[in-house]
Amino acid sequence: VCPNDAISIDEEMNVAVIDPDKCIGCGLCVKECPRGIIQLVPANANIVYLCSYESFKNIPGREKCDKGCLHCKKCFRACENGAIIWNEEKAIPEFDFTRCTLCGKCIEVCPHDRLIELSNVALKEKVGIPKGKDIMIINSYSFGSITIDGKNYRSDVIIFPDKINSRWWRKSGHLLSDEDIGEILKYKPEMLIIGTGTSGLMMVDQKVKDKLNSLGIRFIIKKTAEAVEQYNKLEKKDKVVCAFHLTC
């Protein structure tokens, strides 16, 4: 029904995804949806809930859609800025976009990954990155959890400019050896940022440092929270790779 081909299906989540660059806000998809769960959101919206349950009224959304809200209110409780209002009638969160600071806490606590970030513009401005830069942004990090471009990951990750390896692990869990960075070296980055965990317990073998130095790859080794901050502040990321240990 979309005249601009702005709608595609995310095979992993099995939900419709809107391309904001193609969408003209005509509302045809809203009218055609038999369940009434598509909503138009303000152009300045930063966070959106994937399923609005507009026509479900008091019927819990999960009875109609196993991809929907669990009604746990975790996002509502996590927001410290009053940007999330809990709609008791629909049993879903609603957003005051003027109060949202893109801290990412609601995305982080959502157990069903129903909250996504529509745009990184506000966060880019917040960390001083020029507008128009098509780069990955780390929205939030806490022990065992990292949110990148609105998607939450709960295992160690390697962040490339164009992809994320969310199943990264090392031969020895708390030691980064030269055998663990083969995938990274194939990419030929100019810089590697290593996050050693919340408390910095992951050690980096001297052989890794020697290898990176021999290849002319600059590297930064910090506790993961500090490494995340360092990455987000970089203006140029097209040749930067991050390897983050998320727990201890």
C-alpha atoms as a PDB file:
ATOM      1  CA  VAL A   1       0.000   0.000   0.000  1.00  0.00           C
ATOM      2  CA  CYS A   2       2.959   2.352   0.550  1.00  0.00           C
ATOM      3  CA  PRO A   3       3.455   4.596  -2.514  1.00  0.00           C
ATOM      4  CA  ASN A   4       7.113   5.272  -1.655  1.00  0.00           C
ATOM      5  CA  ASP A   5       8.250   1.747  -0.745  1.00  0.00           C
ATOM      6  CA  ALA A   6       9.063   2.983   2.767  1.00  0.00           C
ATOM      7  CA  ILE A   7       7.923  -0.198   4.537  1.00  0.00           C
ATOM      8  CA  SER A   8       9.945  -3.392   4.825  1.00  0.00           C
ATOM      9  CA  ILE A   9       9.762  -6.444   7.081  1.00  0.00           C
ATOM     10  CA  ASP A  10      12.458  -7.086   9.665  1.00  0.00           C
ATOM     11  CA  GLU A  11      12.926 -10.850   9.325  1.00  0.00           C
ATOM     12  CA  GLU A  12      14.576 -11.195  12.735  1.00  0.00           C
ATOM     13  CA  MET A  13      11.842  -9.430  14.722  1.00  0.00           C
ATOM     14  CA  ASN A  14       9.043 -10.198  12.225  1.00  0.00           C
ATOM     15  CA  VAL A  15       7.706  -6.653  12.314  1.00  0.00           C
ATOM     16  CA  ALA A  16       7.240  -3.879   9.780  1.00  0.00           C
ATOM     17  CA  VAL A  17      10.008  -1.273   9.710  1.00  0.00           C
ATOM     18  CA  ILE A  18       9.573   2.221   8.313  1.00  0.00           C
ATOM     19  CA  ASP A  19      12.338   4.030   6.441  1.00  0.00           C
ATOM     20  CA  PRO A  20      11.993   7.632   7.724  1.00  0.00           C
ATOM     21  CA  ASP A  21      13.848   8.974   4.685  1.00  0.00           C
ATOM     22  CA  LYS A  22      11.209   7.542   2.322  1.00  0.00           C
ATOM     23  CA  CYS A  23       8.092   8.019   4.455  1.00  0.00           C
ATOM     24  CA  ILE A  24       6.050  11.113   3.531  1.00  0.00           C
ATOM     25  CA  GLY A  25       3.529  10.687   6.348  1.00  0.00           C
ATOM     26  CA  CYS A  26       0.573  10.051   4.039  1.00  0.00           C
ATOM     27  CA  GLY A  27      -1.054   7.729   6.584  1.00  0.00           C
ATOM     28  CA  LEU A  28      -2.181   5.063   4.086  1.00  0.00           C
ATOM     29  CA  CYS A  29      -0.560   2.279   6.118  1.00  0.00           C
ATOM     30  CA  VAL A  30      -2.364   3.487   9.246  1.00  0.00           C
ATOM     31  CA  LYS A  31      -5.715   3.322   7.452  1.00  0.00           C
ATOM     32  CA  GLU A  32      -5.050  -0.096   5.902  1.00  0.00           C
ATOM     33  CA  CYS A  33      -3.767  -1.882   9.017  1.00  0.00           C
ATOM     34  CA  PRO A  34      -6.553  -4.294  10.087  1.00  0.00           C
ATOM     35  CA  ARG A  35      -5.386  -4.285  13.698  1.00  0.00           C
ATOM     36  CA  GLY A  36      -4.939  -0.539  14.000  1.00  0.00           C
ATOM     37  CA  ILE A  37      -1.462  -0.920  15.461  1.00  0.00           C
ATOM     38  CA  ILE A  38       0.432   1.421  13.129  1.00  0.00           C
ATOM     39  CA  GLN A  39       0.804   4.979  14.332  1.00  0.00           C
ATOM     40  CA  LEU A  40       2.167   8.211  12.919  1.00  0.00           C
ATOM     41  CA  VAL A  41       4.656   9.847  15.256  1.00  0.00           C
ATOM     42  CA  PRO A  42       5.989  13.414  15.289  1.00  0.00           C
ATOM     43  CA  ALA A  43       8.905  14.136  12.981  1.00  0.00           C
ATOM     44  CA  ASN A  44      11.000  15.089  16.009  1.00  0.00           C
ATOM     45  CA  ALA A  45      10.332  11.806  17.843  1.00  0.00           C
ATOM     46  CA  ASN A  46      13.462  10.040  19.039  1.00  0.00           C
ATOM     47  CA  ILE A  47      12.049   6.930  20.710  1.00  0.00           C
ATOM     48  CA  VAL A  48       9.057   4.964  19.507  1.00  0.00           C
ATOM     49  CA  TYR A  49       7.157   1.924  20.670  1.00  0.00           C
ATOM     50  CA  LEU A  50       6.955  -0.719  17.941  1.00  0.00           C
ATOM     51  CA  CYS A  51       3.292  -1.556  18.466  1.00  0.00           C
ATOM     52  CA  SER A  52       0.676   0.974  19.594  1.00  0.00           C
ATOM     53  CA  TYR A  53      -2.323  -1.348  20.107  1.00  0.00           C
ATOM     54  CA  GLU A  54      -4.477   1.650  19.243  1.00  0.00           C
ATOM     55  CA  SER A  55      -7.614  -0.434  18.655  1.00  0.00           C
ATOM     56  CA  PHE A  56      -7.114  -2.959  21.429  1.00  0.00           C
ATOM     57  CA  LYS A  57      -8.438  -0.715  24.217  1.00  0.00           C
ATOM     58  CA  ASN A  58      -8.376  -2.789  27.407  1.00  0.00           C
ATOM     59  CA  ILE A  59      -7.290  -6.004  25.708  1.00  0.00           C
ATOM     60  CA  PRO A  60      -3.670  -6.757  26.645  1.00  0.00           C
ATOM     61  CA  GLY A  61      -1.554  -6.458  23.528  1.00  0.00           C
ATOM     62  CA  ARG A  62       0.283  -9.720  24.012  1.00  0.00           C
ATOM     63  CA  GLU A  63      -2.976 -11.635  23.517  1.00  0.00           C
ATOM     64  CA  LYS A  64      -3.023 -10.327  19.958  1.00  0.00           C
ATOM     65  CA  CYS A  65       0.684 -10.177  19.161  1.00  0.00           C
ATOM     66  CA  ASP A  66       3.519 -12.196  20.681  1.00  0.00           C
ATOM     67  CA  LYS A  67       5.936  -9.452  19.614  1.00  0.00           C
ATOM     68  CA  GLY A  68       4.174  -6.833  21.660  1.00  0.00           C
ATOM     69  CA  CYS A  69       4.345  -5.188  25.054  1.00  0.00           C
ATOM     70  CA  LEU A  70       4.576  -7.271  28.222  1.00  0.00           C
ATOM     71  CA  HIS A  71       3.016  -4.415  30.224  1.00  0.00           C
ATOM     72  CA  CYS A  72       5.792  -4.653  32.803  1.00  0.00           C
ATOM     73  CA  LYS A  73       6.159  -0.852  33.166  1.00  0.00           C
ATOM     74  CA  LYS A  74       9.950  -1.155  33.365  1.00  0.00           C
ATOM     75  CA  CYS A  75      10.427   1.623  30.800  1.00  0.00           C
ATOM     76  CA  PHE A  76       8.027   3.864  32.714  1.00  0.00           C
ATOM     77  CA  ARG A  77       9.908   3.319  35.970  1.00  0.00           C
ATOM     78  CA  ALA A  78      13.321   3.729  34.331  1.00  0.00           C
ATOM     79  CA  CYS A  79      12.644   7.171  32.855  1.00  0.00           C
ATOM     80  CA  GLU A  80      13.980   9.908  35.125  1.00  0.00           C
ATOM     81  CA  ASN A  81      12.776  12.769  32.926  1.00  0.00           C
ATOM     82  CA  GLY A  82       9.017  12.224  32.942  1.00  0.00           C
ATOM     83  CA  ALA A  83       9.112  11.481  29.217  1.00  0.00           C
ATOM     84  CA  ILE A  84       7.125   8.243  29.531  1.00  0.00           C
ATOM     85  CA  ILE A  85       3.483   8.293  30.566  1.00  0.00           C
ATOM     86  CA  TRP A  86       1.730   5.020  31.302  1.00  0.00           C
ATOM     87  CA  ASN A  87      -1.642   4.766  29.555  1.00  0.00           C
ATOM     88  CA  GLU A  88      -3.720   2.709  31.980  1.00  0.00           C
ATOM     89  CA  GLU A  89      -6.546   2.158  29.486  1.00  0.00           C
ATOM     90  CA  LYS A  90      -4.310   0.677  26.787  1.00  0.00           C
ATOM     91  CA  ALA A  91      -1.704  -0.655  29.239  1.00  0.00           C
ATOM     92  CA  ILE A  92       1.145   0.725  27.116  1.00  0.00           C
ATOM     93  CA  PRO A  93       3.722   3.521  27.390  1.00  0.00           C
ATOM     94  CA  GLU A  94       3.241   6.860  25.657  1.00  0.00           C
ATOM     95  CA  PHE A  95       5.957   9.429  25.102  1.00  0.00           C
ATOM     96  CA  ASP A  96       6.444  13.127  25.695  1.00  0.00           C
ATOM     97  CA  PHE A  97       9.081  13.723  23.027  1.00  0.00           C
ATOM     98  CA  THR A  98       9.870  17.186  24.380  1.00  0.00           C
ATOM     99  CA  ARG A  99      11.226  15.631  27.580  1.00  0.00           C
ATOM    100  CA  CYS A 100      13.134  12.707  26.061  1.00  0.00           C
ATOM    101  CA  THR A 101      16.905  13.155  26.398  1.00  0.00           C
ATOM    102  CA  LEU A 102      17.828   9.932  24.576  1.00  0.00           C
ATOM    103  CA  CYS A 103      19.507   8.501  27.653  1.00  0.00           C
ATOM    104  CA  GLY A 104      18.517   5.037  26.415  1.00  0.00           C
ATOM    105  CA  LYS A 105      17.434   3.685  29.807  1.00  0.00           C
ATOM    106  CA  CYS A 106      13.967   2.682  28.588  1.00  0.00           C
ATOM    107  CA  ILE A 107      15.463   0.789  25.636  1.00  0.00           C
ATOM    108  CA  GLU A 108      17.919  -0.915  27.944  1.00  0.00           C
ATOM    109  CA  VAL A 109      15.339  -2.260  30.411  1.00  0.00           C
ATOM    110  CA  CYS A 110      12.704  -3.370  27.884  1.00  0.00           C
ATOM    111  CA  PRO A 111      12.697  -7.196  28.149  1.00  0.00           C
ATOM    112  CA  HIS A 112      11.073  -7.626  24.738  1.00  0.00           C
ATOM    113  CA  ASP A 113      13.082  -5.077  22.716  1.00  0.00           C
ATOM    114  CA  ARG A 114       9.903  -3.217  21.745  1.00  0.00           C
ATOM    115  CA  LEU A 115      11.430   0.230  22.115  1.00  0.00           C
ATOM    116  CA  ILE A 116      13.645   1.500  19.332  1.00  0.00           C
ATOM    117  CA  GLU A 117      15.393   4.750  18.545  1.00  0.00           C
ATOM    118  CA  LEU A 118      14.077   6.438  15.416  1.00  0.00           C
ATOM    119  CA  SER A 119      16.910   8.874  14.989  1.00  0.00           C
ATOM    120  CA  ASN A 120      20.347   9.496  16.432  1.00  0.00           C
ATOM    121  CA  VAL A 121      20.258  13.208  15.609  1.00  0.00           C
ATOM    122  CA  ALA A 122      19.654  14.380  19.174  1.00  0.00           C
ATOM    123  CA  LEU A 123      22.304  12.094  20.628  1.00  0.00           C
ATOM    124  CA  LYS A 124      24.835  13.111  17.973  1.00  0.00           C
ATOM    125  CA  GLU A 125      24.267  16.742  18.883  1.00  0.00           C
ATOM    126  CA  LYS A 126      24.583  15.862  22.563  1.00  0.00           C
ATOM    127  CA  VAL A 127      28.041  14.334  22.121  1.00  0.00           C
ATOM    128  CA  GLY A 128      29.167  16.941  19.608  1.00  0.00           C
ATOM    129  CA  ILE A 129      28.987  14.923  16.378  1.00  0.00           C
ATOM    130  CA  PRO A 130      28.063  16.964  13.271  1.00  0.00           C
ATOM    131  CA  LYS A 131      24.661  16.416  11.685  1.00  0.00           C
ATOM    132  CA  GLY A 132      24.496  14.180   8.644  1.00  0.00           C
ATOM    133  CA  LYS A 133      27.108  11.698   9.841  1.00  0.00           C
ATOM    134  CA  ASP A 134      25.783   8.194   9.121  1.00  0.00           C
ATOM    135  CA  ILE A 135      27.548   6.380  11.951  1.00  0.00           C
ATOM    136  CA  MET A 136      26.743   4.002  14.745  1.00  0.00           C
ATOM    137  CA  ILE A 137      25.962   5.492  18.126  1.00  0.00           C
ATOM    138  CA  ILE A 138      26.139   3.682  21.447  1.00  0.00           C
ATOM    139  CA  ASN A 139      23.020   4.800  23.281  1.00  0.00           C
ATOM    140  CA  SER A 140      23.808   3.295  26.658  1.00  0.00           C
ATOM    141  CA  TYR A 141      25.960   0.810  28.523  1.00  0.00           C
ATOM    142  CA  SER A 142      25.613  -0.896  31.887  1.00  0.00           C
ATOM    143  CA  PHE A 143      26.860  -4.162  33.347  1.00  0.00           C
ATOM    144  CA  GLY A 144      26.032  -6.925  30.850  1.00  0.00           C
ATOM    145  CA  SER A 145      24.046  -4.692  28.497  1.00  0.00           C
ATOM    146  CA  ILE A 146      24.814  -2.307  25.644  1.00  0.00           C
ATOM    147  CA  THR A 147      22.403  -0.506  23.312  1.00  0.00           C
ATOM    148  CA  ILE A 148      23.712   0.407  19.862  1.00  0.00           C
ATOM    149  CA  ASP A 149      21.583   2.376  17.401  1.00  0.00           C
ATOM    150  CA  GLY A 150      18.526   1.541  19.463  1.00  0.00           C
ATOM    151  CA  LYS A 151      19.121  -2.223  19.617  1.00  0.00           C
ATOM    152  CA  ASN A 152      20.087  -3.905  22.859  1.00  0.00           C
ATOM    153  CA  TYR A 153      22.816  -6.557  23.140  1.00  0.00           C
ATOM    154  CA  ARG A 154      23.574  -8.654  26.211  1.00  0.00           C
ATOM    155  CA  SER A 155      26.786 -10.380  25.220  1.00  0.00           C
ATOM    156  CA  ASP A 156      30.260  -9.126  24.322  1.00  0.00           C
ATOM    157  CA  VAL A 157      30.375  -7.301  20.996  1.00  0.00           C
ATOM    158  CA  ILE A 158      32.692  -6.159  18.246  1.00  0.00           C
ATOM    159  CA  ILE A 159      31.408  -2.975  16.625  1.00  0.00           C
ATOM    160  CA  PHE A 160      32.453  -2.414  13.026  1.00  0.00           C
ATOM    161  CA  PRO A 161      31.394   0.707  11.089  1.00  0.00           C
ATOM    162  CA  ASP A 162      28.904  -1.344   9.061  1.00  0.00           C
ATOM    163  CA  LYS A 163      28.024  -4.313  11.272  1.00  0.00           C
ATOM    164  CA  ILE A 164      28.035  -5.738  14.794  1.00  0.00           C
ATOM    165  CA  ASN A 165      29.340  -9.112  15.892  1.00  0.00           C
ATOM    166  CA  SER A 166      27.149  -9.815  18.914  1.00  0.00           C
ATOM    167  CA  ARG A 167      28.535 -13.294  19.592  1.00  0.00           C
ATOM    168  CA  TRP A 168      32.136 -12.381  20.306  1.00  0.00           C
ATOM    169  CA  TRP A 169      33.996 -14.343  22.934  1.00  0.00           C
ATOM    170  CA  ARG A 170      37.620 -15.087  23.651  1.00  0.00           C
ATOM    171  CA  LYS A 171      39.591 -18.290  23.958  1.00  0.00           C
ATOM    172  CA  SER A 172      40.133 -17.365  27.602  1.00  0.00           C
ATOM    173  CA  GLY A 173      37.214 -15.300  28.854  1.00  0.00           C
ATOM    174  CA  HIS A 174      39.123 -12.616  30.747  1.00  0.00           C
ATOM    175  CA  LEU A 175      42.195 -12.493  28.545  1.00  0.00           C
ATOM    176  CA  LEU A 176      42.291 -10.899  25.100  1.00  0.00           C
ATOM    177  CA  SER A 177      44.899 -12.776  23.070  1.00  0.00           C
ATOM    178  CA  ASP A 178      46.151 -12.304  19.523  1.00  0.00           C
ATOM    179  CA  GLU A 179      43.991 -15.277  18.485  1.00  0.00           C
ATOM    180  CA  ASP A 180      40.872 -13.330  19.459  1.00  0.00           C
ATOM    181  CA  ILE A 181      41.361 -10.378  17.114  1.00  0.00           C
ATOM    182  CA  GLY A 182      41.631 -12.141  13.755  1.00  0.00           C
ATOM    183  CA  GLU A 183      38.252 -10.837  12.555  1.00  0.00           C
ATOM    184  CA  ILE A 184      39.235  -7.321  13.586  1.00  0.00           C
ATOM    185  CA  LEU A 185      42.575  -7.409  11.774  1.00  0.00           C
ATOM    186  CA  LYS A 186      40.899  -8.535   8.537  1.00  0.00           C
ATOM    187  CA  TYR A 187      38.969  -5.266   8.576  1.00  0.00           C
ATOM    188  CA  LYS A 188      42.255  -3.290   8.677  1.00  0.00           C
ATOM    189  CA  PRO A 189      41.069  -0.568  11.075  1.00  0.00           C
ATOM    190  CA  GLU A 190      43.013   2.579  11.837  1.00  0.00           C
ATOM    191  CA  MET A 191      41.977   2.422  15.490  1.00  0.00           C
ATOM    192  CA  LEU A 192      40.802  -0.276  17.888  1.00  0.00           C
ATOM    193  CA  ILE A 193      38.998   0.660  21.108  1.00  0.00           C
ATOM    194  CA  ILE A 194      39.020  -2.119  23.689  1.00  0.00           C
ATOM    195  CA  GLY A 195      36.560  -2.115  26.589  1.00  0.00           C
ATOM    196  CA  THR A 196      37.838  -4.308  29.400  1.00  0.00           C
ATOM    197  CA  GLY A 197      34.573  -4.602  31.346  1.00  0.00           C
ATOM    198  CA  THR A 198      32.797  -2.693  34.095  1.00  0.00           C
ATOM    199  CA  SER A 199      35.663  -3.182  36.525  1.00  0.00           C
ATOM    200  CA  GLY A 200      38.361  -3.684  33.902  1.00  0.00           C
ATOM    201  CA  LEU A 201      38.992  -7.349  34.670  1.00  0.00           C
ATOM    202  CA  MET A 202      39.628  -8.403  31.070  1.00  0.00           C
ATOM    203  CA  MET A 203      43.371  -8.276  30.499  1.00  0.00           C
ATOM    204  CA  VAL A 204      45.010  -7.543  27.141  1.00  0.00           C
ATOM    205  CA  ASP A 205      47.949  -9.776  26.256  1.00  0.00           C
ATOM    206  CA  GLN A 206      51.169  -7.970  25.362  1.00  0.00           C
ATOM    207  CA  LYS A 207      51.205  -9.906  22.069  1.00  0.00           C
ATOM    208  CA  VAL A 208      48.001  -8.097  21.084  1.00  0.00           C
ATOM    209  CA  LYS A 209      49.597  -4.715  21.711  1.00  0.00           C
ATOM    210  CA  ASP A 210      52.736  -5.721  19.820  1.00  0.00           C
ATOM    211  CA  LYS A 211      50.654  -6.966  16.875  1.00  0.00           C
ATOM    212  CA  LEU A 212      48.627  -3.774  16.693  1.00  0.00           C
ATOM    213  CA  ASN A 213      51.756  -1.641  16.911  1.00  0.00           C
ATOM    214  CA  SER A 214      53.444  -3.631  14.138  1.00  0.00           C
ATOM    215  CA  LEU A 215      50.434  -3.038  11.862  1.00  0.00           C
ATOM    216  CA  GLY A 216      50.241   0.659  12.682  1.00  0.00           C
ATOM    217  CA  ILE A 217      46.836   0.322  14.338  1.00  0.00           C
ATOM    218  CA  ARG A 218      46.267   2.803  17.142  1.00  0.00           C
ATOM    219  CA  PHE A 219      44.534   1.346  20.162  1.00  0.00           C
ATOM    220  CA  ILE A 220      42.805   2.536  23.310  1.00  0.00           C
ATOM    221  CA  ILE A 221      42.306   0.256  26.311  1.00  0.00           C
ATOM    222  CA  LYS A 222      39.851   1.432  28.957  1.00  0.00           C
ATOM    223  CA  LYS A 223      37.099   0.168  31.209  1.00  0.00           C
ATOM    224  CA  THR A 224      34.064  -0.326  28.999  1.00  0.00           C
ATOM    225  CA  ALA A 225      32.073   2.694  30.220  1.00  0.00           C
ATOM    226  CA  GLU A 226      35.047   4.961  29.488  1.00  0.00           C
ATOM    227  CA  ALA A 227      35.668   3.227  26.157  1.00  0.00           C
ATOM    228  CA  VAL A 228      32.037   3.811  25.134  1.00  0.00           C
ATOM    229  CA  GLU A 229      32.331   7.494  25.972  1.00  0.00           C
ATOM    230  CA  GLN A 230      35.569   7.726  23.998  1.00  0.00           C
ATOM    231  CA  TYR A 231      33.951   6.096  20.955  1.00  0.00           C
ATOM    232  CA  ASN A 232      30.868   8.317  20.974  1.00  0.00           C
ATOM    233  CA  LYS A 233      33.021  11.440  21.065  1.00  0.00           C
ATOM    234  CA  LEU A 234      34.972  10.467  17.949  1.00  0.00           C
ATOM    235  CA  GLU A 235      33.861  12.434  14.908  1.00  0.00           C
ATOM    236  CA  LYS A 236      35.401  10.091  12.366  1.00  0.00           C
ATOM    237  CA  LYS A 237      34.488   6.438  12.869  1.00  0.00           C
ATOM    238  CA  ASP A 238      34.720   4.900   9.405  1.00  0.00           C
ATOM    239  CA  LYS A 239      37.972   3.111  10.275  1.00  0.00           C
ATOM    240  CA  VAL A 240      37.340   2.531  13.982  1.00  0.00           C
ATOM    241  CA  VAL A 241      36.482  -0.854  15.493  1.00  0.00           C
ATOM    242  CA  CYS A 242      35.432  -1.499  19.094  1.00  0.00           C
ATOM    243  CA  ALA A 243      35.754  -4.734  21.072  1.00  0.00           C
ATOM    244  CA  PHE A 244      33.749  -4.541  24.288  1.00  0.00           C
ATOM    245  CA  HIS A 245      33.589  -6.927  27.229  1.00  0.00           C
ATOM    246  CA  LEU A 246      30.259  -6.128  28.899  1.00  0.00           C
ATOM    247  CA  THR A 247      30.468  -7.710  32.324  1.00  0.00           C
ATOM    248  CA  CYS A 248      33.162  -7.796  35.010  1.00  0.00           C
END
